Amino acid sequence: MSVEEVAAYLGVPKSTVYDRWKPWGLKGQKFGRNLRFRRRDVETWLDKHTV
């Protein structure tokens, strides 16, 4: 998933994803200048952090 897709999925601005993905412990991969996430990693992270 791209940063744009993750932001839309989580309902936050893109800037929040860029600023918070490491502190949140969200697994991501950089490919050149692009940051990508696996959908299953985002869903797993969200499941762990849902109240």
PDB file of N, CA and C in Angstrom:
ATOM      1  N   MET A   1       0.842  -1.169   0.000  1.00  0.00           N
ATOM      2  CA  MET A   1       0.000   0.000   0.000  1.00  0.00           C
ATOM      3  C   MET A   1       0.892   1.238   0.000  1.00  0.00           C
ATOM      4  N   SER A   2       0.465   2.247  -0.691  1.00  0.00           N
ATOM      5  CA  SER A   2       1.206   3.501  -0.699  1.00  0.00           C
ATOM      6  C   SER A   2       0.842   4.309   0.550  1.00  0.00           C
ATOM      7  N   VAL A   3       1.564   5.359   0.804  1.00  0.00           N
ATOM      8  CA  VAL A   3       1.268   6.242   1.928  1.00  0.00           C
ATOM      9  C   VAL A   3      -0.145   6.815   1.777  1.00  0.00           C
ATOM     10  N   GLU A   4      -0.504   7.166   0.563  1.00  0.00           N
ATOM     11  CA  GLU A   4      -1.833   7.705   0.303  1.00  0.00           C
ATOM     12  C   GLU A   4      -2.920   6.690   0.664  1.00  0.00           C
ATOM     13  N   GLU A   5      -2.702   5.440   0.303  1.00  0.00           N
ATOM     14  CA  GLU A   5      -3.677   4.387   0.596  1.00  0.00           C
ATOM     15  C   GLU A   5      -3.775   4.126   2.098  1.00  0.00           C
ATOM     16  N   VAL A   6      -2.642   4.114   2.776  1.00  0.00           N
ATOM     17  CA  VAL A   6      -2.649   3.898   4.228  1.00  0.00           C
ATOM     18  C   VAL A   6      -3.357   5.059   4.924  1.00  0.00           C
ATOM     19  N   ALA A   7      -3.068   6.281   4.495  1.00  0.00           N
ATOM     20  CA  ALA A   7      -3.714   7.453   5.083  1.00  0.00           C
ATOM     21  C   ALA A   7      -5.232   7.376   4.909  1.00  0.00           C
ATOM     22  N   ALA A   8      -5.684   7.021   3.729  1.00  0.00           N
ATOM     23  CA  ALA A   8      -7.121   6.898   3.477  1.00  0.00           C
ATOM     24  C   ALA A   8      -7.717   5.773   4.317  1.00  0.00           C
ATOM     25  N   TYR A   9      -7.023   4.662   4.424  1.00  0.00           N
ATOM     26  CA  TYR A   9      -7.486   3.507   5.187  1.00  0.00           C
ATOM     27  C   TYR A   9      -7.638   3.843   6.666  1.00  0.00           C
ATOM     28  N   LEU A  10      -6.668   4.605   7.197  1.00  0.00           N
ATOM     29  CA  LEU A  10      -6.683   4.966   8.616  1.00  0.00           C
ATOM     30  C   LEU A  10      -7.468   6.246   8.892  1.00  0.00           C
ATOM     31  N   GLY A  11      -7.782   6.997   7.843  1.00  0.00           N
ATOM     32  CA  GLY A  11      -8.523   8.235   8.016  1.00  0.00           C
ATOM     33  C   GLY A  11      -7.694   9.362   8.602  1.00  0.00           C
ATOM     34  N   VAL A  12      -6.417   9.392   8.216  1.00  0.00           N
ATOM     35  CA  VAL A  12      -5.502  10.438   8.685  1.00  0.00           C
ATOM     36  C   VAL A  12      -4.823  11.084   7.480  1.00  0.00           C
ATOM     37  N   PRO A  13      -4.247  12.281   7.663  1.00  0.00           N
ATOM     38  CA  PRO A  13      -3.510  12.900   6.555  1.00  0.00           C
ATOM     39  C   PRO A  13      -2.234  12.122   6.207  1.00  0.00           C
ATOM     40  N   LYS A  14      -1.779  12.276   4.973  1.00  0.00           N
ATOM     41  CA  LYS A  14      -0.530  11.628   4.544  1.00  0.00           C
ATOM     42  C   LYS A  14       0.625  12.042   5.437  1.00  0.00           C
ATOM     43  N   SER A  15       0.662  13.300   5.830  1.00  0.00           N
ATOM     44  CA  SER A  15       1.763  13.792   6.661  1.00  0.00           C
ATOM     45  C   SER A  15       1.835  13.042   7.983  1.00  0.00           C
ATOM     46  N   THR A  16       0.700  12.641   8.524  1.00  0.00           N
ATOM     47  CA  THR A  16       0.687  11.865   9.770  1.00  0.00           C
ATOM     48  C   THR A  16       1.337  10.504   9.552  1.00  0.00           C
ATOM     49  N   VAL A  17       1.032   9.870   8.442  1.00  0.00           N
ATOM     50  CA  VAL A  17       1.642   8.559   8.155  1.00  0.00           C
ATOM     51  C   VAL A  17       3.154   8.715   8.028  1.00  0.00           C
ATOM     52  N   TYR A  18       3.613   9.724   7.276  1.00  0.00           N
ATOM     53  CA  TYR A  18       5.050   9.950   7.121  1.00  0.00           C
ATOM     54  C   TYR A  18       5.725  10.228   8.462  1.00  0.00           C
ATOM     55  N   ASP A  19       5.078  11.007   9.323  1.00  0.00           N
ATOM     56  CA  ASP A  19       5.677  11.404  10.597  1.00  0.00           C
ATOM     57  C   ASP A  19       5.615  10.318  11.659  1.00  0.00           C
ATOM     58  N   ARG A  20       4.584   9.476  11.617  1.00  0.00           N
ATOM     59  CA  ARG A  20       4.319   8.574  12.739  1.00  0.00           C
ATOM     60  C   ARG A  20       4.525   7.094  12.472  1.00  0.00           C
ATOM     61  N   TRP A  21       4.830   6.670  11.245  1.00  0.00           N
ATOM     62  CA  TRP A  21       4.883   5.235  10.976  1.00  0.00           C
ATOM     63  C   TRP A  21       5.948   4.540  11.810  1.00  0.00           C
ATOM     64  N   LYS A  22       7.107   5.139  11.997  1.00  0.00           N
ATOM     65  CA  LYS A  22       8.137   4.508  12.831  1.00  0.00           C
ATOM     66  C   LYS A  22       7.768   4.527  14.313  1.00  0.00           C
ATOM     67  N   PRO A  23       7.375   5.692  14.879  1.00  0.00           N
ATOM     68  CA  PRO A  23       6.972   5.682  16.291  1.00  0.00           C
ATOM     69  C   PRO A  23       5.794   4.751  16.586  1.00  0.00           C
ATOM     70  N   TRP A  24       4.883   4.619  15.615  1.00  0.00           N
ATOM     71  CA  TRP A  24       3.760   3.708  15.792  1.00  0.00           C
ATOM     72  C   TRP A  24       4.195   2.245  15.730  1.00  0.00           C
ATOM     73  N   GLY A  25       5.376   1.971  15.195  1.00  0.00           N
ATOM     74  CA  GLY A  25       5.822   0.595  15.026  1.00  0.00           C
ATOM     75  C   GLY A  25       5.215  -0.077  13.813  1.00  0.00           C
ATOM     76  N   LEU A  26       4.745   0.720  12.871  1.00  0.00           N
ATOM     77  CA  LEU A  26       4.148   0.199  11.643  1.00  0.00           C
ATOM     78  C   LEU A  26       5.267  -0.216  10.691  1.00  0.00           C
ATOM     79  N   LYS A  27       5.210  -1.445  10.220  1.00  0.00           N
ATOM     80  CA  LYS A  27       6.258  -1.949   9.337  1.00  0.00           C
ATOM     81  C   LYS A  27       6.100  -1.365   7.943  1.00  0.00           C
ATOM     82  N   GLY A  28       7.171  -0.777   7.441  1.00  0.00           N
ATOM     83  CA  GLY A  28       7.161  -0.201   6.106  1.00  0.00           C
ATOM     84  C   GLY A  28       8.482  -0.464   5.408  1.00  0.00           C
ATOM     85  N   GLN A  29       8.484  -0.351   4.106  1.00  0.00           N
ATOM     86  CA  GLN A  29       9.678  -0.541   3.291  1.00  0.00           C
ATOM     87  C   GLN A  29       9.864   0.669   2.405  1.00  0.00           C
ATOM     88  N   LYS A  30      11.095   1.139   2.329  1.00  0.00           N
ATOM     89  CA  LYS A  30      11.403   2.228   1.413  1.00  0.00           C
ATOM     90  C   LYS A  30      11.966   1.638   0.128  1.00  0.00           C
ATOM     91  N   PHE A  31      11.404   2.057  -0.975  1.00  0.00           N
ATOM     92  CA  PHE A  31      11.881   1.675  -2.297  1.00  0.00           C
ATOM     93  C   PHE A  31      12.276   2.967  -2.992  1.00  0.00           C
ATOM     94  N   GLY A  32      13.554   3.282  -2.933  1.00  0.00           N
ATOM     95  CA  GLY A  32      13.995   4.569  -3.446  1.00  0.00           C
ATOM     96  C   GLY A  32      13.393   5.659  -2.584  1.00  0.00           C
ATOM     97  N   ARG A  33      12.609   6.523  -3.208  1.00  0.00           N
ATOM     98  CA  ARG A  33      11.956   7.601  -2.468  1.00  0.00           C
ATOM     99  C   ARG A  33      10.544   7.235  -2.029  1.00  0.00           C
ATOM    100  N   ASN A  34      10.096   6.038  -2.369  1.00  0.00           N
ATOM    101  CA  ASN A  34       8.725   5.624  -2.071  1.00  0.00           C
ATOM    102  C   ASN A  34       8.670   4.778  -0.808  1.00  0.00           C
ATOM    103  N   LEU A  35       7.667   5.007  -0.014  1.00  0.00           N
ATOM    104  CA  LEU A  35       7.419   4.241   1.197  1.00  0.00           C
ATOM    105  C   LEU A  35       6.191   3.382   0.944  1.00  0.00           C
ATOM    106  N   ARG A  36       6.320   2.098   1.205  1.00  0.00           N
ATOM    107  CA  ARG A  36       5.221   1.152   0.951  1.00  0.00           C
ATOM    108  C   ARG A  36       4.977   0.290   2.189  1.00  0.00           C
ATOM    109  N   PHE A  37       3.735  -0.161   2.308  1.00  0.00           N
ATOM    110  CA  PHE A  37       3.318  -0.996   3.429  1.00  0.00           C
ATOM    111  C   PHE A  37       2.555  -2.197   2.903  1.00  0.00           C
ATOM    112  N   ARG A  38       2.683  -3.323   3.586  1.00  0.00           N
ATOM    113  CA  ARG A  38       1.870  -4.497   3.248  1.00  0.00           C
ATOM    114  C   ARG A  38       0.519  -4.332   3.930  1.00  0.00           C
ATOM    115  N   ARG A  39      -0.532  -4.636   3.187  1.00  0.00           N
ATOM    116  CA  ARG A  39      -1.879  -4.500   3.739  1.00  0.00           C
ATOM    117  C   ARG A  39      -2.026  -5.324   5.020  1.00  0.00           C
ATOM    118  N   ARG A  40      -1.504  -6.529   5.036  1.00  0.00           N
ATOM    119  CA  ARG A  40      -1.659  -7.373   6.226  1.00  0.00           C
ATOM    120  C   ARG A  40      -0.935  -6.779   7.430  1.00  0.00           C
ATOM    121  N   ASP A  41       0.198  -6.094   7.215  1.00  0.00           N
ATOM    122  CA  ASP A  41       0.904  -5.445   8.320  1.00  0.00           C
ATOM    123  C   ASP A  41       0.097  -4.272   8.873  1.00  0.00           C
ATOM    124  N   VAL A  42      -0.527  -3.506   7.987  1.00  0.00           N
ATOM    125  CA  VAL A  42      -1.359  -2.382   8.420  1.00  0.00           C
ATOM    126  C   VAL A  42      -2.569  -2.909   9.192  1.00  0.00           C
ATOM    127  N   GLU A  43      -3.202  -3.956   8.692  1.00  0.00           N
ATOM    128  CA  GLU A  43      -4.379  -4.521   9.363  1.00  0.00           C
ATOM    129  C   GLU A  43      -4.006  -5.139  10.709  1.00  0.00           C
ATOM    130  N   THR A  44      -2.858  -5.825  10.781  1.00  0.00           N
ATOM    131  CA  THR A  44      -2.394  -6.394  12.045  1.00  0.00           C
ATOM    132  C   THR A  44      -2.113  -5.295  13.053  1.00  0.00           C
ATOM    133  N   TRP A  45      -1.430  -4.242  12.606  1.00  0.00           N
ATOM    134  CA  TRP A  45      -1.133  -3.119  13.481  1.00  0.00           C
ATOM    135  C   TRP A  45      -2.415  -2.479  13.990  1.00  0.00           C
ATOM    136  N   LEU A  46      -3.374  -2.298  13.096  1.00  0.00           N
ATOM    137  CA  LEU A  46      -4.636  -1.677  13.475  1.00  0.00           C
ATOM    138  C   LEU A  46      -5.394  -2.551  14.475  1.00  0.00           C
ATOM    139  N   ASP A  47      -5.397  -3.857  14.283  1.00  0.00           N
ATOM    140  CA  ASP A  47      -6.048  -4.765  15.215  1.00  0.00           C
ATOM    141  C   ASP A  47      -5.442  -4.668  16.614  1.00  0.00           C
ATOM    142  N   LYS A  48      -4.124  -4.542  16.683  1.00  0.00           N
ATOM    143  CA  LYS A  48      -3.439  -4.453  17.982  1.00  0.00           C
ATOM    144  C   LYS A  48      -3.720  -3.125  18.687  1.00  0.00           C
ATOM    145  N   HIS A  49      -4.025  -2.079  17.917  1.00  0.00           N
ATOM    146  CA  HIS A  49      -4.194  -0.745  18.492  1.00  0.00           C
ATOM    147  C   HIS A  49      -5.629  -0.260  18.498  1.00  0.00           C
ATOM    148  N   THR A  50      -6.568  -1.161  18.292  1.00  0.00           N
ATOM    149  CA  THR A  50      -7.977  -0.809  18.353  1.00  0.00           C
ATOM    150  C   THR A  50      -8.469  -1.067  19.756  1.00  0.00           C
ATOM    151  N   VAL A  51      -9.185  -0.112  20.288  1.00  0.00           N
ATOM    152  CA  VAL A  51      -9.679  -0.238  21.660  1.00  0.00           C
ATOM    153  C   VAL A  51     -11.030  -0.908  21.669  1.00  0.00           C
TER     154      VAL A  51
END
